[in-house]
PDB file of N, CA and C in Angstrom:
ATOM      1  N   MET A   1     118.722 -36.771 344.264  1.00  0.00           N
ATOM      2  CA  MET A   1     117.945 -35.538 344.307  1.00  0.00           C
ATOM      3  C   MET A   1     118.551 -34.515 343.357  1.00  0.00           C
ATOM      4  N   SER A   2     117.704 -33.771 342.686  1.00  0.00           N
ATOM      5  CA  SER A   2     118.147 -32.759 341.738  1.00  0.00           C
ATOM      6  C   SER A   2     118.678 -31.530 342.472  1.00  0.00           C
ATOM      7  N   ASN A   3     119.657 -30.872 341.868  1.00  0.00           N
ATOM      8  CA  ASN A   3     120.187 -29.638 342.436  1.00  0.00           C
ATOM      9  C   ASN A   3     119.431 -28.416 341.935  1.00  0.00           C
ATOM     10  N   PHE A   4     118.292 -28.630 341.266  1.00  0.00           N
ATOM     11  CA  PHE A   4     117.517 -27.537 340.709  1.00  0.00           C
ATOM     12  C   PHE A   4     116.045 -27.670 341.089  1.00  0.00           C
ATOM     13  N   VAL A   5     115.346 -26.536 341.193  1.00  0.00           N
ATOM     14  CA  VAL A   5     113.887 -26.495 341.330  1.00  0.00           C
ATOM     15  C   VAL A   5     113.384 -25.471 340.320  1.00  0.00           C
ATOM     16  N   TRP A   6     112.107 -25.510 340.036  1.00  0.00           N
ATOM     17  CA  TRP A   6     111.523 -24.515 339.146  1.00  0.00           C
ATOM     18  C   TRP A   6     111.277 -23.219 339.918  1.00  0.00           C
ATOM     19  N   CYS A   7     111.509 -22.091 339.275  1.00  0.00           N
ATOM     20  CA  CYS A   7     111.254 -20.784 339.890  1.00  0.00           C
ATOM     21  C   CYS A   7     109.796 -20.719 340.340  1.00  0.00           C
ATOM     22  N   HIS A   8     109.563 -20.169 341.524  1.00  0.00           N
ATOM     23  CA  HIS A   8     108.219 -20.076 342.083  1.00  0.00           C
ATOM     24  C   HIS A   8     107.501 -18.773 341.706  1.00  0.00           C
ATOM     25  N   GLY A   9     108.135 -17.935 340.911  1.00  0.00           N
ATOM     26  CA  GLY A   9     107.494 -16.694 340.472  1.00  0.00           C
ATOM     27  C   GLY A   9     106.269 -16.999 339.630  1.00  0.00           C
ATOM     28  N   PRO A  10     105.103 -16.436 339.972  1.00  0.00           N
ATOM     29  CA  PRO A  10     103.873 -16.766 339.252  1.00  0.00           C
ATOM     30  C   PRO A  10     103.868 -16.316 337.793  1.00  0.00           C
ATOM     31  N   ASN A  11     104.724 -15.363 337.446  1.00  0.00           N
ATOM     32  CA  ASN A  11     104.764 -14.868 336.070  1.00  0.00           C
ATOM     33  C   ASN A  11     106.073 -15.173 335.363  1.00  0.00           C
ATOM     34  N   CYS A  12     106.887 -16.040 335.946  1.00  0.00           N
ATOM     35  CA  CYS A  12     108.208 -16.331 335.383  1.00  0.00           C
ATOM     36  C   CYS A  12     108.091 -16.816 333.932  1.00  0.00           C
ATOM     37  N   HIS A  13     107.098 -17.648 333.658  1.00  0.00           N
ATOM     38  CA  HIS A  13     106.947 -18.225 332.322  1.00  0.00           C
ATOM     39  C   HIS A  13     106.407 -17.235 331.285  1.00  0.00           C
ATOM     40  N   THR A  14     106.089 -16.003 331.704  1.00  0.00           N
ATOM     41  CA  THR A  14     105.573 -15.014 330.757  1.00  0.00           C
ATOM     42  C   THR A  14     106.614 -13.975 330.361  1.00  0.00           C
ATOM     43  N   ASN A  15     107.784 -13.981 331.025  1.00  0.00           N
ATOM     44  CA  ASN A  15     108.826 -13.000 330.721  1.00  0.00           C
ATOM     45  C   ASN A  15     109.504 -13.331 329.400  1.00  0.00           C
ATOM     46  N   HIS A  16     109.625 -12.343 328.537  1.00  0.00           N
ATOM     47  CA  HIS A  16     110.182 -12.546 327.201  1.00  0.00           C
ATOM     48  C   HIS A  16     111.699 -12.435 327.219  1.00  0.00           C
ATOM     49  N   THR A  17     112.368 -13.562 327.513  1.00  0.00           N
ATOM     50  CA  THR A  17     113.825 -13.611 327.461  1.00  0.00           C
ATOM     51  C   THR A  17     114.234 -14.841 326.663  1.00  0.00           C
ATOM     52  N   GLN A  18     115.416 -14.781 326.041  1.00  0.00           N
ATOM     53  CA  GLN A  18     115.892 -15.859 325.181  1.00  0.00           C
ATOM     54  C   GLN A  18     116.066 -17.180 325.923  1.00  0.00           C
ATOM     55  N   ASP A  19     116.495 -17.124 327.184  1.00  0.00           N
ATOM     56  CA  ASP A  19     116.767 -18.373 327.912  1.00  0.00           C
ATOM     57  C   ASP A  19     115.503 -19.120 328.315  1.00  0.00           C
ATOM     58  N   ARG A  20     114.329 -18.529 328.163  1.00  0.00           N
ATOM     59  CA  ARG A  20     113.072 -19.200 328.500  1.00  0.00           C
ATOM     60  C   ARG A  20     112.431 -19.888 327.287  1.00  0.00           C
ATOM     61  N   ILE A  21     112.934 -19.632 326.091  1.00  0.00           N
ATOM     62  CA  ILE A  21     112.339 -20.193 324.872  1.00  0.00           C
ATOM     63  C   ILE A  21     112.693 -21.674 324.776  1.00  0.00           C
ATOM     64  N   ARG A  22     111.670 -22.522 324.592  1.00  0.00           N
ATOM     65  CA  ARG A  22     111.849 -23.959 324.428  1.00  0.00           C
ATOM     66  C   ARG A  22     110.964 -24.436 323.284  1.00  0.00           C
ATOM     67  N   GLY A  23     111.319 -25.565 322.697  1.00  0.00           N
ATOM     68  CA  GLY A  23     110.501 -26.189 321.669  1.00  0.00           C
ATOM     69  C   GLY A  23     111.074 -26.007 320.277  1.00  0.00           C
ATOM     70  N   VAL A  24     110.380 -26.607 319.303  1.00  0.00           N
ATOM     71  CA  VAL A  24     110.794 -26.539 317.905  1.00  0.00           C
ATOM     72  C   VAL A  24     109.895 -25.566 317.159  1.00  0.00           C
ATOM     73  N   LYS A  25     110.329 -25.171 315.995  1.00  0.00           N
ATOM     74  CA  LYS A  25     109.581 -24.196 315.197  1.00  0.00           C
ATOM     75  C   LYS A  25     108.130 -24.641 315.035  1.00  0.00           C
ATOM     76  N   GLY A  26     107.225 -23.736 315.318  1.00  0.00           N
ATOM     77  CA  GLY A  26     105.804 -24.032 315.224  1.00  0.00           C
ATOM     78  C   GLY A  26     105.169 -24.402 316.556  1.00  0.00           C
ATOM     79  N   SER A  27     105.971 -24.837 317.531  1.00  0.00           N
ATOM     80  CA  SER A  27     105.412 -25.177 318.847  1.00  0.00           C
ATOM     81  C   SER A  27     106.340 -24.709 319.961  1.00  0.00           C
ATOM     82  N   LYS A  28     106.792 -23.481 319.864  1.00  0.00           N
ATOM     83  CA  LYS A  28     107.681 -22.909 320.873  1.00  0.00           C
ATOM     84  C   LYS A  28     106.876 -22.399 322.066  1.00  0.00           C
ATOM     85  N   VAL A  29     107.499 -22.433 323.235  1.00  0.00           N
ATOM     86  CA  VAL A  29     106.874 -21.947 324.473  1.00  0.00           C
ATOM     87  C   VAL A  29     107.905 -21.162 325.282  1.00  0.00           C
ATOM     88  N   LEU A  30     107.404 -20.322 326.176  1.00  0.00           N
ATOM     89  CA  LEU A  30     108.246 -19.698 327.201  1.00  0.00           C
ATOM     90  C   LEU A  30     108.098 -20.544 328.447  1.00  0.00           C
ATOM     91  N   ARG A  31     109.208 -21.001 329.011  1.00  0.00           N
ATOM     92  CA  ARG A  31     109.171 -21.906 330.160  1.00  0.00           C
ATOM     93  C   ARG A  31     109.767 -21.229 331.387  1.00  0.00           C
ATOM     94  N   THR A  32     109.233 -21.578 332.545  1.00  0.00           N
ATOM     95  CA  THR A  32     109.774 -21.138 333.828  1.00  0.00           C
ATOM     96  C   THR A  32     111.240 -21.545 333.928  1.00  0.00           C
ATOM     97  N   ARG A  33     112.073 -20.681 334.503  1.00  0.00           N
ATOM     98  CA  ARG A  33     113.496 -20.988 334.679  1.00  0.00           C
ATOM     99  C   ARG A  33     113.713 -22.009 335.789  1.00  0.00           C
ATOM    100  N   LYS A  34     114.811 -22.765 335.654  1.00  0.00           N
ATOM    101  CA  LYS A  34     115.266 -23.622 336.746  1.00  0.00           C
ATOM    102  C   LYS A  34     116.153 -22.784 337.657  1.00  0.00           C
ATOM    103  N   VAL A  35     116.111 -23.096 338.949  1.00  0.00           N
ATOM    104  CA  VAL A  35     116.896 -22.371 339.940  1.00  0.00           C
ATOM    105  C   VAL A  35     117.810 -23.356 340.648  1.00  0.00           C
ATOM    106  N   LYS A  36     119.100 -23.048 340.687  1.00  0.00           N
ATOM    107  CA  LYS A  36     120.077 -23.904 341.367  1.00  0.00           C
ATOM    108  C   LYS A  36     119.887 -23.814 342.869  1.00  0.00           C
ATOM    109  N   GLN A  37     119.921 -24.958 343.540  1.00  0.00           N
ATOM    110  CA  GLN A  37     119.825 -25.025 344.985  1.00  0.00           C
ATOM    111  C   GLN A  37     121.210 -24.813 345.587  1.00  0.00           C
ATOM    112  N   HIS A  38     121.363 -23.783 346.397  1.00  0.00           N
ATOM    113  CA  HIS A  38     122.640 -23.448 347.020  1.00  0.00           C
ATOM    114  C   HIS A  38     122.723 -24.073 348.400  1.00  0.00           C
ATOM    115  N   GLN A  39     123.919 -24.392 348.816  1.00  0.00           N
ATOM    116  CA  GLN A  39     124.152 -24.969 350.133  1.00  0.00           C
ATOM    117  C   GLN A  39     125.103 -24.063 350.904  1.00  0.00           C
ATOM    118  N   GLY A  40     125.268 -24.333 352.192  1.00  0.00           N
ATOM    119  CA  GLY A  40     126.217 -23.577 352.992  1.00  0.00           C
ATOM    120  C   GLY A  40     125.522 -22.623 353.931  1.00  0.00           C
ATOM    121  N   TYR A  41     126.335 -21.788 354.572  1.00  0.00           N
ATOM    122  CA  TYR A  41     125.864 -20.878 355.604  1.00  0.00           C
ATOM    123  C   TYR A  41     124.765 -19.966 355.073  1.00  0.00           C
ATOM    124  N   GLN A  42     123.570 -20.102 355.578  1.00  0.00           N
ATOM    125  CA  GLN A  42     122.381 -19.304 355.284  1.00  0.00           C
ATOM    126  C   GLN A  42     121.942 -19.353 353.832  1.00  0.00           C
ATOM    127  N   LEU A  43     122.663 -20.026 352.940  1.00  0.00           N
ATOM    128  CA  LEU A  43     122.208 -20.108 351.559  1.00  0.00           C
ATOM    129  C   LEU A  43     121.039 -21.071 351.428  1.00  0.00           C
ATOM    130  N   GLY A  44     120.962 -22.044 352.325  1.00  0.00           N
ATOM    131  CA  GLY A  44     119.855 -22.990 352.283  1.00  0.00           C
ATOM    132  C   GLY A  44     118.513 -22.338 352.548  1.00  0.00           C
ATOM    133  N   THR A  45     118.491 -21.221 353.263  1.00  0.00           N
ATOM    134  CA  THR A  45     117.241 -20.532 353.571  1.00  0.00           C
ATOM    135  C   THR A  45     117.057 -19.269 352.740  1.00  0.00           C
ATOM    136  N   SER A  46     117.924 -19.024 351.802  1.00  0.00           N
ATOM    137  CA  SER A  46     117.853 -17.825 350.972  1.00  0.00           C
ATOM    138  C   SER A  46     116.748 -17.931 349.928  1.00  0.00           C
ATOM    139  N   PHE A  47     116.093 -16.826 349.628  1.00  0.00           N
ATOM    140  CA  PHE A  47     115.060 -16.856 348.596  1.00  0.00           C
ATOM    141  C   PHE A  47     115.649 -17.140 347.220  1.00  0.00           C
ATOM    142  N   TYR A  48     116.969 -16.984 347.072  1.00  0.00           N
ATOM    143  CA  TYR A  48     117.606 -17.302 345.796  1.00  0.00           C
ATOM    144  C   TYR A  48     117.562 -18.795 345.497  1.00  0.00           C
ATOM    145  N   ASN A  49     117.189 -19.623 346.466  1.00  0.00           N
ATOM    146  CA  ASN A  49     117.006 -21.049 346.213  1.00  0.00           C
ATOM    147  C   ASN A  49     115.666 -21.345 345.552  1.00  0.00           C
ATOM    148  N   TRP A  50     114.769 -20.387 345.532  1.00  0.00           N
ATOM    149  CA  TRP A  50     113.413 -20.643 345.043  1.00  0.00           C
ATOM    150  C   TRP A  50     112.978 -19.723 343.914  1.00  0.00           C
ATOM    151  N   PHE A  51     113.711 -18.623 343.681  1.00  0.00           N
ATOM    152  CA  PHE A  51     113.329 -17.643 342.663  1.00  0.00           C
ATOM    153  C   PHE A  51     114.520 -17.308 341.791  1.00  0.00           C
ATOM    154  N   CYS A  52     114.275 -17.092 340.493  1.00  0.00           N
ATOM    155  CA  CYS A  52     115.375 -16.818 339.567  1.00  0.00           C
ATOM    156  C   CYS A  52     115.791 -15.356 339.582  1.00  0.00           C
ATOM    157  N   SER A  53     114.964 -14.480 340.155  1.00  0.00           N
ATOM    158  CA  SER A  53     115.282 -13.050 340.159  1.00  0.00           C
ATOM    159  C   SER A  53     114.503 -12.350 341.264  1.00  0.00           C
ATOM    160  N   ASN A  54     114.898 -11.119 341.550  1.00  0.00           N
ATOM    161  CA  ASN A  54     114.138 -10.306 342.507  1.00  0.00           C
ATOM    162  C   ASN A  54     112.730 -10.044 341.988  1.00  0.00           C
ATOM    163  N   GLY A  55     112.590  -9.887 340.678  1.00  0.00           N
ATOM    164  CA  GLY A  55     111.275  -9.645 340.084  1.00  0.00           C
ATOM    165  C   GLY A  55     110.312 -10.793 340.355  1.00  0.00           C
ATOM    166  N   CYS A  56     110.784 -12.033 340.156  1.00  0.00           N
ATOM    167  CA  CYS A  56     109.939 -13.205 340.429  1.00  0.00           C
ATOM    168  C   CYS A  56     109.616 -13.309 341.915  1.00  0.00           C
ATOM    169  N   TYR A  57     110.592 -13.012 342.766  1.00  0.00           N
ATOM    170  CA  TYR A  57     110.352 -13.026 344.215  1.00  0.00           C
ATOM    171  C   TYR A  57     109.287 -11.987 344.582  1.00  0.00           C
ATOM    172  N   ASN A  58     109.412 -10.776 344.046  1.00  0.00           N
ATOM    173  CA  ASN A  58     108.440  -9.712 344.345  1.00  0.00           C
ATOM    174  C   ASN A  58     107.057 -10.069 343.829  1.00  0.00           C
ATOM    175  N   ASP A  59     106.975 -10.674 342.631  1.00  0.00           N
ATOM    176  CA  ASP A  59     105.671 -11.107 342.104  1.00  0.00           C
ATOM    177  C   ASP A  59     105.014 -12.106 343.050  1.00  0.00           C
ATOM    178  N   PHE A  60     105.801 -13.075 343.536  1.00  0.00           N
ATOM    179  CA  PHE A  60     105.290 -14.086 344.459  1.00  0.00           C
ATOM    180  C   PHE A  60     104.832 -13.436 345.760  1.00  0.00           C
ATOM    181  N   ALA A  61     105.691 -12.589 346.338  1.00  0.00           N
ATOM    182  CA  ALA A  61     105.363 -11.944 347.619  1.00  0.00           C
ATOM    183  C   ALA A  61     104.121 -11.069 347.491  1.00  0.00           C
ATOM    184  N   ASN A  62     104.004 -10.311 346.414  1.00  0.00           N
ATOM    185  CA  ASN A  62     102.834  -9.452 346.229  1.00  0.00           C
ATOM    186  C   ASN A  62     101.563 -10.265 346.014  1.00  0.00           C
ATOM    187  N   THR A  63     101.678 -11.414 345.350  1.00  0.00           N
ATOM    188  CA  THR A  63     100.520 -12.270 345.115  1.00  0.00           C
ATOM    189  C   THR A  63     100.048 -12.932 346.408  1.00  0.00           C
ATOM    190  N   HIS A  64     100.982 -13.323 347.277  1.00  0.00           N
ATOM    191  CA  HIS A  64     100.648 -14.129 348.453  1.00  0.00           C
ATOM    192  C   HIS A  64     100.886 -13.416 349.781  1.00  0.00           C
ATOM    193  N   VAL A  65     100.971 -12.098 349.788  1.00  0.00           N
ATOM    194  CA  VAL A  65     101.361 -11.358 350.991  1.00  0.00           C
ATOM    195  C   VAL A  65     100.433 -11.621 352.178  1.00  0.00           C
ATOM    196  N   GLU A  66      99.153 -11.728 351.963  1.00  0.00           N
ATOM    197  CA  GLU A  66      98.235 -11.940 353.092  1.00  0.00           C
ATOM    198  C   GLU A  66      98.461 -13.297 353.745  1.00  0.00           C
ATOM    199  N   ARG A  67      98.718 -14.331 352.950  1.00  0.00           N
ATOM    200  CA  ARG A  67      98.977 -15.660 353.520  1.00  0.00           C
ATOM    201  C   ARG A  67     100.358 -15.721 354.167  1.00  0.00           C
ATOM    202  N   ILE A  68     101.325 -14.985 353.621  1.00  0.00           N
ATOM    203  CA  ILE A  68     102.670 -14.953 354.211  1.00  0.00           C
ATOM    204  C   ILE A  68     102.619 -14.305 355.595  1.00  0.00           C
ATOM    205  N   VAL A  69     101.934 -13.174 355.695  1.00  0.00           N
ATOM    206  CA  VAL A  69     101.832 -12.470 356.977  1.00  0.00           C
ATOM    207  C   VAL A  69     101.027 -13.291 357.983  1.00  0.00           C
ATOM    208  N   ALA A  70     100.081 -14.087 357.506  1.00  0.00           N
ATOM    209  CA  ALA A  70      99.272 -14.915 358.409  1.00  0.00           C
ATOM    210  C   ALA A  70     100.114 -15.984 359.101  1.00  0.00           C
ATOM    211  N   ILE A  71     101.279 -16.327 358.556  1.00  0.00           N
ATOM    212  CA  ILE A  71     102.146 -17.331 359.184  1.00  0.00           C
ATOM    213  C   ILE A  71     102.627 -16.836 360.548  1.00  0.00           C
ATOM    214  N   ALA A  72     103.011 -15.582 360.633  1.00  0.00           N
ATOM    215  CA  ALA A  72     103.497 -15.005 361.897  1.00  0.00           C
ATOM    216  C   ALA A  72     103.009 -13.564 362.004  1.00  0.00           C
ATOM    217  N   PRO A  73     101.732 -13.372 362.317  1.00  0.00           N
ATOM    218  CA  PRO A  73     101.201 -12.004 362.376  1.00  0.00           C
ATOM    219  C   PRO A  73     101.840 -11.191 363.495  1.00  0.00           C
ATOM    220  N   ARG A  74     102.053  -9.919 363.252  1.00  0.00           N
ATOM    221  CA  ARG A  74     102.630  -9.013 364.246  1.00  0.00           C
ATOM    222  C   ARG A  74     101.480  -8.291 364.921  1.00  0.00           C
ATOM    223  N   THR A  75     101.319  -8.523 366.233  1.00  0.00           N
ATOM    224  CA  THR A  75     100.208  -7.924 366.961  1.00  0.00           C
ATOM    225  C   THR A  75     100.615  -6.716 367.786  1.00  0.00           C
ATOM    226  N   LYS A  76     101.936  -6.545 367.975  1.00  0.00           N
ATOM    227  CA  LYS A  76     102.407  -5.346 368.666  1.00  0.00           C
ATOM    228  C   LYS A  76     103.784  -4.972 368.130  1.00  0.00           C
ATOM    229  N   ALA A  77     104.143  -3.717 368.328  1.00  0.00           N
ATOM    230  CA  ALA A  77     105.407  -3.198 367.806  1.00  0.00           C
ATOM    231  C   ALA A  77     106.593  -3.808 368.535  1.00  0.00           C
ATOM    232  N   LEU A  78     107.695  -3.967 367.812  1.00  0.00           N
ATOM    233  CA  LEU A  78     108.955  -4.390 368.418  1.00  0.00           C
ATOM    234  C   LEU A  78     109.737  -3.145 368.802  1.00  0.00           C
ATOM    235  N   GLU A  79     110.534  -3.238 369.866  1.00  0.00           N
ATOM    236  CA  GLU A  79     111.333  -2.101 370.320  1.00  0.00           C
ATOM    237  C   GLU A  79     112.736  -2.545 370.672  1.00  0.00           C
ATOM    238  N   THR A  80     113.709  -1.680 370.419  1.00  0.00           N
ATOM    239  CA  THR A  80     115.101  -1.910 370.775  1.00  0.00           C
ATOM    240  C   THR A  80     115.535  -0.787 371.696  1.00  0.00           C
ATOM    241  N   PRO A  81     116.011  -1.102 372.922  1.00  0.00           N
ATOM    242  CA  PRO A  81     116.467  -0.049 373.830  1.00  0.00           C
ATOM    243  C   PRO A  81     117.724   0.629 373.292  1.00  0.00           C
ATOM    244  N   ILE A  82     117.735   1.959 373.351  1.00  0.00           N
ATOM    245  CA  ILE A  82     118.875   2.730 372.831  1.00  0.00           C
ATOM    246  C   ILE A  82     119.227   3.874 373.764  1.00  0.00           C
ATOM    247  N   ASP A  83     120.404   4.434 373.569  1.00  0.00           N
ATOM    248  CA  ASP A  83     120.815   5.715 374.135  1.00  0.00           C
ATOM    249  C   ASP A  83     121.157   6.625 372.965  1.00  0.00           C
ATOM    250  N   VAL A  84     120.788   7.887 373.077  1.00  0.00           N
ATOM    251  CA  VAL A  84     121.169   8.878 372.075  1.00  0.00           C
ATOM    252  C   VAL A  84     122.340   9.663 372.644  1.00  0.00           C
ATOM    253  N   VAL A  85     123.491   9.582 371.953  1.00  0.00           N
ATOM    254  CA  VAL A  85     124.713  10.210 372.425  1.00  0.00           C
ATOM    255  C   VAL A  85     125.067  11.363 371.479  1.00  0.00           C
ATOM    256  N   LYS A  86     125.285  12.550 372.068  1.00  0.00           N
ATOM    257  CA  LYS A  86     125.692  13.715 371.272  1.00  0.00           C
ATOM    258  C   LYS A  86     127.175  13.936 371.496  1.00  0.00           C
ATOM    259  N   GLU A  87     127.939  14.015 370.418  1.00  0.00           N
ATOM    260  CA  GLU A  87     129.384  14.212 370.499  1.00  0.00           C
ATOM    261  C   GLU A  87     129.776  15.473 369.745  1.00  0.00           C
ATOM    262  N   GLN A  88     130.676  16.232 370.334  1.00  0.00           N
ATOM    263  CA  GLN A  88     131.227  17.404 369.644  1.00  0.00           C
ATOM    264  C   GLN A  88     132.313  16.917 368.676  1.00  0.00           C
ATOM    265  N   ALA A  89     132.312  17.446 367.483  1.00  0.00           N
ATOM    266  CA  ALA A  89     133.320  17.072 366.489  1.00  0.00           C
ATOM    267  C   ALA A  89     133.620  18.297 365.640  1.00  0.00           C
ATOM    268  N   THR A  90     134.650  18.197 364.804  1.00  0.00           N
ATOM    269  CA  THR A  90     134.965  19.281 363.880  1.00  0.00           C
ATOM    270  C   THR A  90     135.032  18.710 362.468  1.00  0.00           C
ATOM    271  N   ASP A  91     134.628  19.527 361.508  1.00  0.00           N
ATOM    272  CA  ASP A  91     134.665  19.069 360.121  1.00  0.00           C
ATOM    273  C   ASP A  91     136.061  19.287 359.525  1.00  0.00           C
ATOM    274  N   TYR A  92     136.199  19.070 358.262  1.00  0.00           N
ATOM    275  CA  TYR A  92     137.470  19.176 357.560  1.00  0.00           C
ATOM    276  C   TYR A  92     138.110  20.557 357.715  1.00  0.00           C
ATOM    277  N   PHE A  93     137.256  21.603 357.798  1.00  0.00           N
ATOM    278  CA  PHE A  93     137.753  22.977 357.891  1.00  0.00           C
ATOM    279  C   PHE A  93     137.913  23.443 359.338  1.00  0.00           C
ATOM    280  N   GLY A  94     137.724  22.560 360.308  1.00  0.00           N
ATOM    281  CA  GLY A  94     137.895  22.907 361.717  1.00  0.00           C
ATOM    282  C   GLY A  94     136.664  23.514 362.357  1.00  0.00           C
ATOM    283  N   ARG A  95     135.542  23.522 361.672  1.00  0.00           N
ATOM    284  CA  ARG A  95     134.310  24.073 362.231  1.00  0.00           C
ATOM    285  C   ARG A  95     133.638  23.039 363.125  1.00  0.00           C
ATOM    286  N   PRO A  96     133.185  23.456 364.310  1.00  0.00           N
ATOM    287  CA  PRO A  96     132.554  22.503 365.232  1.00  0.00           C
ATOM    288  C   PRO A  96     131.125  22.161 364.798  1.00  0.00           C
ATOM    289  N   TYR A  97     130.738  20.942 365.098  1.00  0.00           N
ATOM    290  CA  TYR A  97     129.355  20.512 364.894  1.00  0.00           C
ATOM    291  C   TYR A  97     129.054  19.396 365.896  1.00  0.00           C
ATOM    292  N   VAL A  98     127.776  19.088 366.049  1.00  0.00           N
ATOM    293  CA  VAL A  98     127.349  18.041 366.975  1.00  0.00           C
ATOM    294  C   VAL A  98     126.987  16.800 366.159  1.00  0.00           C
ATOM    295  N   ASN A  99     127.613  15.686 366.501  1.00  0.00           N
ATOM    296  CA  ASN A  99     127.335  14.421 365.858  1.00  0.00           C
ATOM    297  C   ASN A  99     126.433  13.616 366.786  1.00  0.00           C
ATOM    298  N   THR A 100     125.271  13.197 366.296  1.00  0.00           N
ATOM    299  CA  THR A 100     124.328  12.419 367.094  1.00  0.00           C
ATOM    300  C   THR A 100     124.462  10.948 366.727  1.00  0.00           C
ATOM    301  N   LYS A 101     124.705  10.102 367.738  1.00  0.00           N
ATOM    302  CA  LYS A 101     124.843   8.670 367.519  1.00  0.00           C
ATOM    303  C   LYS A 101     123.767   7.932 368.298  1.00  0.00           C
ATOM    304  N   ILE A 102     123.246   6.887 367.694  1.00  0.00           N
ATOM    305  CA  ILE A 102     122.306   6.002 368.377  1.00  0.00           C
ATOM    306  C   ILE A 102     123.078   4.751 368.763  1.00  0.00           C
ATOM    307  N   VAL A 103     123.064   4.430 370.066  1.00  0.00           N
ATOM    308  CA  VAL A 103     123.801   3.293 370.596  1.00  0.00           C
ATOM    309  C   VAL A 103     122.801   2.315 371.206  1.00  0.00           C
ATOM    310  N   THR A 104     122.866   1.062 370.771  1.00  0.00           N
ATOM    311  CA  THR A 104     121.993   0.035 371.322  1.00  0.00           C
ATOM    312  C   THR A 104     122.419  -0.307 372.739  1.00  0.00           C
ATOM    313  N   VAL A 105     121.425  -0.440 373.639  1.00  0.00           N
ATOM    314  CA  VAL A 105     121.677  -0.717 375.055  1.00  0.00           C
ATOM    315  C   VAL A 105     121.314  -2.173 375.325  1.00  0.00           C
ATOM    316  N   ASP A 106     122.183  -2.872 376.042  1.00  0.00           N
ATOM    317  CA  ASP A 106     121.904  -4.249 376.452  1.00  0.00           C
ATOM    318  C   ASP A 106     121.310  -4.221 377.869  1.00  0.00           C
ATOM    319  N   ASN A 107     120.006  -4.416 377.967  1.00  0.00           N
ATOM    320  CA  ASN A 107     119.326  -4.375 379.268  1.00  0.00           C
ATOM    321  C   ASN A 107     119.352  -5.718 379.995  1.00  0.00           C
ATOM    322  N   ASN A 108     120.015  -6.714 379.410  1.00  0.00           N
ATOM    323  CA  ASN A 108     120.053  -8.042 380.019  1.00  0.00           C
ATOM    324  C   ASN A 108     121.244  -8.216 380.941  1.00  0.00           C
ATOM    325  N   GLY A 109     122.013  -7.154 381.156  1.00  0.00           N
ATOM    326  CA  GLY A 109     123.143  -7.225 382.057  1.00  0.00           C
ATOM    327  C   GLY A 109     124.372  -7.871 381.467  1.00  0.00           C
ATOM    328  N   GLY A 110     124.349  -8.150 380.164  1.00  0.00           N
ATOM    329  CA  GLY A 110     125.482  -8.834 379.539  1.00  0.00           C
ATOM    330  C   GLY A 110     126.256  -7.890 378.763  1.00  0.00           C
TER     331      GLY A 110
END
């Protein structure tokens, strides 16, 4: 199996960069980049395994956003239980101020 795949960016082959130029004089083309397949912790599921750049990833996502969202549509909002904690503190010059912290609450008893 090859350690490379072709970039999935729909416009990758149109970007004017030196590393995309292929062919001989008179029949040159711009070619899609190859992307190295990474292994290891979470690299196997990284978008860097399928796209040569953030630009190509964004082009793909913008082109296919409706089909991507259709895979797992969100029908209601997600919520995280929190507590808002106000703490008295002093700045560098000794002046008091209130520091507001958001603390995640574990409602599962753990």
